[in-house]
Each structure stands twice: as structure tokens, then as C-alpha cells.
Amino acid sequence: MTRSATPPRTVTGRADMSAIGYIIAGGVLLLLFPLLPFIAIAWLLSRALGTEPRAEA
């Protein structure tokens, strides 16, 4: 038995913290959405030019 001054409590999800996390994630996605075409162009150029880093084993 553990020696604790507080009674043990069960672990439960916190809906309010989950909601805040989803709101923050949605805001980040909304801010990054305009950059999506530039990211896609850079990715396509790197694929076409073969400038992706290669894993050396």
C-alpha cells in the first residue's frame, strides 16, 4: 500500500481539455492551409529533381 495523504482517484478523460486541444489543432490547420500549395510544389520539385535525402544502410 502506498503512503499518501490524498485518496486515490480514478483516471478519467477531461472533455474540456480535449475540446481545447481540438480547437488549437483546428486553428493551426487553418493557418497552415494557405501554405499547402507551396509545400506541394516544393515536394513535387524535390521528387522530380531527386534531391530527397537517401537513407544509407
PDB file of N, CA and C in Angstrom:
ATOM      1  N   MET A   1       0.843  -1.188   0.000  1.00  0.00           N
ATOM      2  CA  MET A   1       0.000   0.000   0.000  1.00  0.00           C
ATOM      3  C   MET A   1       0.884   1.246   0.000  1.00  0.00           C
ATOM      4  N   THR A   2       0.489   2.216  -0.811  1.00  0.00           N
ATOM      5  CA  THR A   2       1.275   3.446  -0.868  1.00  0.00           C
ATOM      6  C   THR A   2       0.921   4.349   0.287  1.00  0.00           C
ATOM      7  N   ARG A   3       1.898   5.100   0.710  1.00  0.00           N
ATOM      8  CA  ARG A   3       1.677   6.054   1.801  1.00  0.00           C
ATOM      9  C   ARG A   3       1.410   7.411   1.174  1.00  0.00           C
ATOM     10  N   SER A   4       0.149   7.810   1.169  1.00  0.00           N
ATOM     11  CA  SER A   4      -0.238   9.058   0.533  1.00  0.00           C
ATOM     12  C   SER A   4      -1.233   9.795   1.412  1.00  0.00           C
ATOM     13  N   ALA A   5      -1.153  11.119   1.377  1.00  0.00           N
ATOM     14  CA  ALA A   5      -2.075  11.931   2.160  1.00  0.00           C
ATOM     15  C   ALA A   5      -3.388  12.154   1.426  1.00  0.00           C
ATOM     16  N   THR A   6      -3.398  11.905   0.125  1.00  0.00           N
ATOM     17  CA  THR A   6      -4.620  12.103  -0.645  1.00  0.00           C
ATOM     18  C   THR A   6      -5.186  10.749  -1.053  1.00  0.00           C
ATOM     19  N   PRO A   7      -6.497  10.652  -1.124  1.00  0.00           N
ATOM     20  CA  PRO A   7      -7.093   9.374  -1.534  1.00  0.00           C
ATOM     21  C   PRO A   7      -6.847   9.126  -3.020  1.00  0.00           C
ATOM     22  N   PRO A   8      -6.712   7.868  -3.430  1.00  0.00           N
ATOM     23  CA  PRO A   8      -6.510   7.584  -4.854  1.00  0.00           C
ATOM     24  C   PRO A   8      -7.745   7.965  -5.652  1.00  0.00           C
ATOM     25  N   ARG A   9      -7.522   8.367  -6.883  1.00  0.00           N
ATOM     26  CA  ARG A   9      -8.642   8.723  -7.740  1.00  0.00           C
ATOM     27  C   ARG A   9      -8.505   7.987  -9.059  1.00  0.00           C
ATOM     28  N   THR A  10      -9.614   7.787  -9.702  1.00  0.00           N
ATOM     29  CA  THR A  10      -9.601   7.074 -10.977  1.00  0.00           C
ATOM     30  C   THR A  10      -9.229   8.033 -12.100  1.00  0.00           C
ATOM     31  N   VAL A  11      -8.618   7.512 -13.118  1.00  0.00           N
ATOM     32  CA  VAL A  11      -8.220   8.325 -14.265  1.00  0.00           C
ATOM     33  C   VAL A  11      -9.396   8.416 -15.219  1.00  0.00           C
ATOM     34  N   THR A  12      -9.810   9.620 -15.493  1.00  0.00           N
ATOM     35  CA  THR A  12     -10.923   9.854 -16.417  1.00  0.00           C
ATOM     36  C   THR A  12     -10.496  10.881 -17.452  1.00  0.00           C
ATOM     37  N   GLY A  13     -11.139  10.852 -18.591  1.00  0.00           N
ATOM     38  CA  GLY A  13     -10.856  11.827 -19.633  1.00  0.00           C
ATOM     39  C   GLY A  13     -11.415  13.188 -19.250  1.00  0.00           C
ATOM     40  N   ARG A  14     -10.760  14.201 -19.746  1.00  0.00           N
ATOM     41  CA  ARG A  14     -11.242  15.551 -19.484  1.00  0.00           C
ATOM     42  C   ARG A  14     -11.746  16.130 -20.792  1.00  0.00           C
ATOM     43  N   ALA A  15     -13.057  16.185 -20.915  1.00  0.00           N
ATOM     44  CA  ALA A  15     -13.671  16.639 -22.162  1.00  0.00           C
ATOM     45  C   ALA A  15     -13.314  18.092 -22.465  1.00  0.00           C
ATOM     46  N   ASP A  16     -13.205  18.924 -21.441  1.00  0.00           N
ATOM     47  CA  ASP A  16     -12.892  20.328 -21.687  1.00  0.00           C
ATOM     48  C   ASP A  16     -11.486  20.484 -22.250  1.00  0.00           C
ATOM     49  N   MET A  17     -10.527  19.712 -21.771  1.00  0.00           N
ATOM     50  CA  MET A  17      -9.171  19.792 -22.294  1.00  0.00           C
ATOM     51  C   MET A  17      -9.096  19.201 -23.697  1.00  0.00           C
ATOM     52  N   SER A  18      -9.867  18.159 -23.972  1.00  0.00           N
ATOM     53  CA  SER A  18      -9.897  17.606 -25.322  1.00  0.00           C
ATOM     54  C   SER A  18     -10.463  18.621 -26.301  1.00  0.00           C
ATOM     55  N   ALA A  19     -11.490  19.318 -25.893  1.00  0.00           N
ATOM     56  CA  ALA A  19     -12.099  20.324 -26.764  1.00  0.00           C
ATOM     57  C   ALA A  19     -11.113  21.447 -27.056  1.00  0.00           C
ATOM     58  N   ILE A  20     -10.359  21.868 -26.046  1.00  0.00           N
ATOM     59  CA  ILE A  20      -9.366  22.930 -26.263  1.00  0.00           C
ATOM     60  C   ILE A  20      -8.290  22.445 -27.216  1.00  0.00           C
ATOM     61  N   GLY A  21      -7.868  21.201 -27.078  1.00  0.00           N
ATOM     62  CA  GLY A  21      -6.869  20.641 -27.978  1.00  0.00           C
ATOM     63  C   GLY A  21      -7.354  20.609 -29.404  1.00  0.00           C
ATOM     64  N   TYR A  22      -8.605  20.218 -29.602  1.00  0.00           N
ATOM     65  CA  TYR A  22      -9.161  20.186 -30.955  1.00  0.00           C
ATOM     66  C   TYR A  22      -9.284  21.596 -31.535  1.00  0.00           C
ATOM     67  N   ILE A  23      -9.635  22.556 -30.719  1.00  0.00           N
ATOM     68  CA  ILE A  23      -9.747  23.938 -31.193  1.00  0.00           C
ATOM     69  C   ILE A  23      -8.384  24.462 -31.616  1.00  0.00           C
ATOM     70  N   ILE A  24      -7.347  24.186 -30.817  1.00  0.00           N
ATOM     71  CA  ILE A  24      -5.998  24.637 -31.158  1.00  0.00           C
ATOM     72  C   ILE A  24      -5.511  23.951 -32.433  1.00  0.00           C
ATOM     73  N   ALA A  25      -5.739  22.637 -32.548  1.00  0.00           N
ATOM     74  CA  ALA A  25      -5.324  21.906 -33.743  1.00  0.00           C
ATOM     75  C   ALA A  25      -6.046  22.444 -34.977  1.00  0.00           C
ATOM     76  N   GLY A  26      -7.327  22.749 -34.854  1.00  0.00           N
ATOM     77  CA  GLY A  26      -8.074  23.318 -35.970  1.00  0.00           C
ATOM     78  C   GLY A  26      -7.538  24.678 -36.375  1.00  0.00           C
ATOM     79  N   GLY A  27      -7.175  25.489 -35.394  1.00  0.00           N
ATOM     80  CA  GLY A  27      -6.599  26.800 -35.696  1.00  0.00           C
ATOM     81  C   GLY A  27      -5.266  26.703 -36.409  1.00  0.00           C
ATOM     82  N   VAL A  28      -4.429  25.763 -35.967  1.00  0.00           N
ATOM     83  CA  VAL A  28      -3.136  25.570 -36.628  1.00  0.00           C
ATOM     84  C   VAL A  28      -3.349  25.109 -38.067  1.00  0.00           C
ATOM     85  N   LEU A  29      -4.258  24.160 -38.273  1.00  0.00           N
ATOM     86  CA  LEU A  29      -4.538  23.695 -39.634  1.00  0.00           C
ATOM     87  C   LEU A  29      -5.089  24.823 -40.496  1.00  0.00           C
ATOM     88  N   LEU A  30      -5.933  25.654 -39.916  1.00  0.00           N
ATOM     89  CA  LEU A  30      -6.495  26.777 -40.665  1.00  0.00           C
ATOM     90  C   LEU A  30      -5.413  27.768 -41.068  1.00  0.00           C
ATOM     91  N   LEU A  31      -4.435  27.982 -40.192  1.00  0.00           N
ATOM     92  CA  LEU A  31      -3.346  28.900 -40.517  1.00  0.00           C
ATOM     93  C   LEU A  31      -2.390  28.306 -41.546  1.00  0.00           C
ATOM     94  N   LEU A  32      -2.181  26.983 -41.516  1.00  0.00           N
ATOM     95  CA  LEU A  32      -1.256  26.354 -42.437  1.00  0.00           C
ATOM     96  C   LEU A  32      -1.890  26.025 -43.791  1.00  0.00           C
ATOM     97  N   PHE A  33      -3.192  26.064 -43.874  1.00  0.00           N
ATOM     98  CA  PHE A  33      -3.879  25.708 -45.119  1.00  0.00           C
ATOM     99  C   PHE A  33      -3.431  26.550 -46.319  1.00  0.00           C
ATOM    100  N   PRO A  34      -3.236  27.866 -46.178  1.00  0.00           N
ATOM    101  CA  PRO A  34      -2.772  28.646 -47.341  1.00  0.00           C
ATOM    102  C   PRO A  34      -1.371  28.256 -47.814  1.00  0.00           C
ATOM    103  N   LEU A  35      -0.570  27.612 -46.965  1.00  0.00           N
ATOM    104  CA  LEU A  35       0.783  27.211 -47.354  1.00  0.00           C
ATOM    105  C   LEU A  35       0.807  25.876 -48.093  1.00  0.00           C
ATOM    106  N   LEU A  36      -0.312  25.183 -48.126  1.00  0.00           N
ATOM    107  CA  LEU A  36      -0.372  23.860 -48.728  1.00  0.00           C
ATOM    108  C   LEU A  36       0.087  23.830 -50.190  1.00  0.00           C
ATOM    109  N   PRO A  37      -0.311  24.773 -51.054  1.00  0.00           N
ATOM    110  CA  PRO A  37       0.175  24.727 -52.447  1.00  0.00           C
ATOM    111  C   PRO A  37       1.698  24.852 -52.544  1.00  0.00           C
ATOM    112  N   PHE A  38       2.308  25.683 -51.708  1.00  0.00           N
ATOM    113  CA  PHE A  38       3.755  25.856 -51.736  1.00  0.00           C
ATOM    114  C   PHE A  38       4.468  24.597 -51.249  1.00  0.00           C
ATOM    115  N   ILE A  39       3.919  23.962 -50.234  1.00  0.00           N
ATOM    116  CA  ILE A  39       4.500  22.716 -49.732  1.00  0.00           C
ATOM    117  C   ILE A  39       4.397  21.636 -50.806  1.00  0.00           C
ATOM    118  N   ALA A  40       3.258  21.579 -51.491  1.00  0.00           N
ATOM    119  CA  ALA A  40       3.078  20.578 -52.549  1.00  0.00           C
ATOM    120  C   ALA A  40       4.046  20.822 -53.707  1.00  0.00           C
ATOM    121  N   ILE A  41       4.234  22.069 -54.103  1.00  0.00           N
ATOM    122  CA  ILE A  41       5.163  22.386 -55.191  1.00  0.00           C
ATOM    123  C   ILE A  41       6.591  22.017 -54.797  1.00  0.00           C
ATOM    124  N   ALA A  42       6.991  22.346 -53.578  1.00  0.00           N
ATOM    125  CA  ALA A  42       8.340  22.005 -53.120  1.00  0.00           C
ATOM    126  C   ALA A  42       8.531  20.501 -53.084  1.00  0.00           C
ATOM    127  N   TRP A  43       7.521  19.775 -52.644  1.00  0.00           N
ATOM    128  CA  TRP A  43       7.617  18.311 -52.591  1.00  0.00           C
ATOM    129  C   TRP A  43       7.722  17.723 -54.001  1.00  0.00           C
ATOM    130  N   LEU A  44       6.902  18.239 -54.929  1.00  0.00           N
ATOM    131  CA  LEU A  44       6.952  17.744 -56.302  1.00  0.00           C
ATOM    132  C   LEU A  44       8.297  18.047 -56.967  1.00  0.00           C
ATOM    133  N   LEU A  45       8.832  19.245 -56.720  1.00  0.00           N
ATOM    134  CA  LEU A  45      10.135  19.587 -57.283  1.00  0.00           C
ATOM    135  C   LEU A  45      11.235  18.698 -56.714  1.00  0.00           C
ATOM    136  N   SER A  46      11.176  18.422 -55.432  1.00  0.00           N
ATOM    137  CA  SER A  46      12.200  17.568 -54.836  1.00  0.00           C
ATOM    138  C   SER A  46      12.110  16.147 -55.382  1.00  0.00           C
ATOM    139  N   ARG A  47      10.898  15.694 -55.664  1.00  0.00           N
ATOM    140  CA  ARG A  47      10.728  14.356 -56.255  1.00  0.00           C
ATOM    141  C   ARG A  47      11.245  14.349 -57.694  1.00  0.00           C
ATOM    142  N   ALA A  48      10.956  15.400 -58.439  1.00  0.00           N
ATOM    143  CA  ALA A  48      11.354  15.452 -59.839  1.00  0.00           C
ATOM    144  C   ALA A  48      12.863  15.591 -59.996  1.00  0.00           C
ATOM    145  N   LEU A  49      13.490  16.363 -59.117  1.00  0.00           N
ATOM    146  CA  LEU A  49      14.926  16.593 -59.219  1.00  0.00           C
ATOM    147  C   LEU A  49      15.746  15.548 -58.476  1.00  0.00           C
ATOM    148  N   GLY A  50      15.093  14.714 -57.716  1.00  0.00           N
ATOM    149  CA  GLY A  50      15.804  13.668 -56.990  1.00  0.00           C
ATOM    150  C   GLY A  50      16.687  14.190 -55.880  1.00  0.00           C
ATOM    151  N   THR A  51      16.251  15.250 -55.219  1.00  0.00           N
ATOM    152  CA  THR A  51      17.065  15.853 -54.164  1.00  0.00           C
ATOM    153  C   THR A  51      16.645  15.419 -52.776  1.00  0.00           C
ATOM    154  N   GLU A  52      15.875  14.343 -52.698  1.00  0.00           N
ATOM    155  CA  GLU A  52      15.456  13.861 -51.373  1.00  0.00           C
ATOM    156  C   GLU A  52      16.632  13.175 -50.700  1.00  0.00           C
ATOM    157  N   PRO A  53      16.771  13.333 -49.418  1.00  0.00           N
ATOM    158  CA  PRO A  53      17.842  12.622 -48.715  1.00  0.00           C
ATOM    159  C   PRO A  53      17.608  11.120 -48.757  1.00  0.00           C
ATOM    160  N   ARG A  54      18.668  10.386 -48.937  1.00  0.00           N
ATOM    161  CA  ARG A  54      18.556   8.928 -49.033  1.00  0.00           C
ATOM    162  C   ARG A  54      19.055   8.307 -47.746  1.00  0.00           C
ATOM    163  N   ALA A  55      18.371   7.249 -47.335  1.00  0.00           N
ATOM    164  CA  ALA A  55      18.790   6.521 -46.149  1.00  0.00           C
ATOM    165  C   ALA A  55      19.948   5.608 -46.518  1.00  0.00           C
ATOM    166  N   GLU A  56      21.026   5.740 -45.775  1.00  0.00           N
ATOM    167  CA  GLU A  56      22.188   4.900 -46.031  1.00  0.00           C
ATOM    168  C   GLU A  56      22.223   3.793 -44.994  1.00  0.00           C
ATOM    169  N   ALA A  57      22.257   2.553 -45.479  1.00  0.00           N
ATOM    170  CA  ALA A  57      22.253   1.439 -44.537  1.00  0.00           C
ATOM    171  C   ALA A  57      23.617   0.793 -44.471  1.00  0.00           C
TER     172      ALA A  57
END
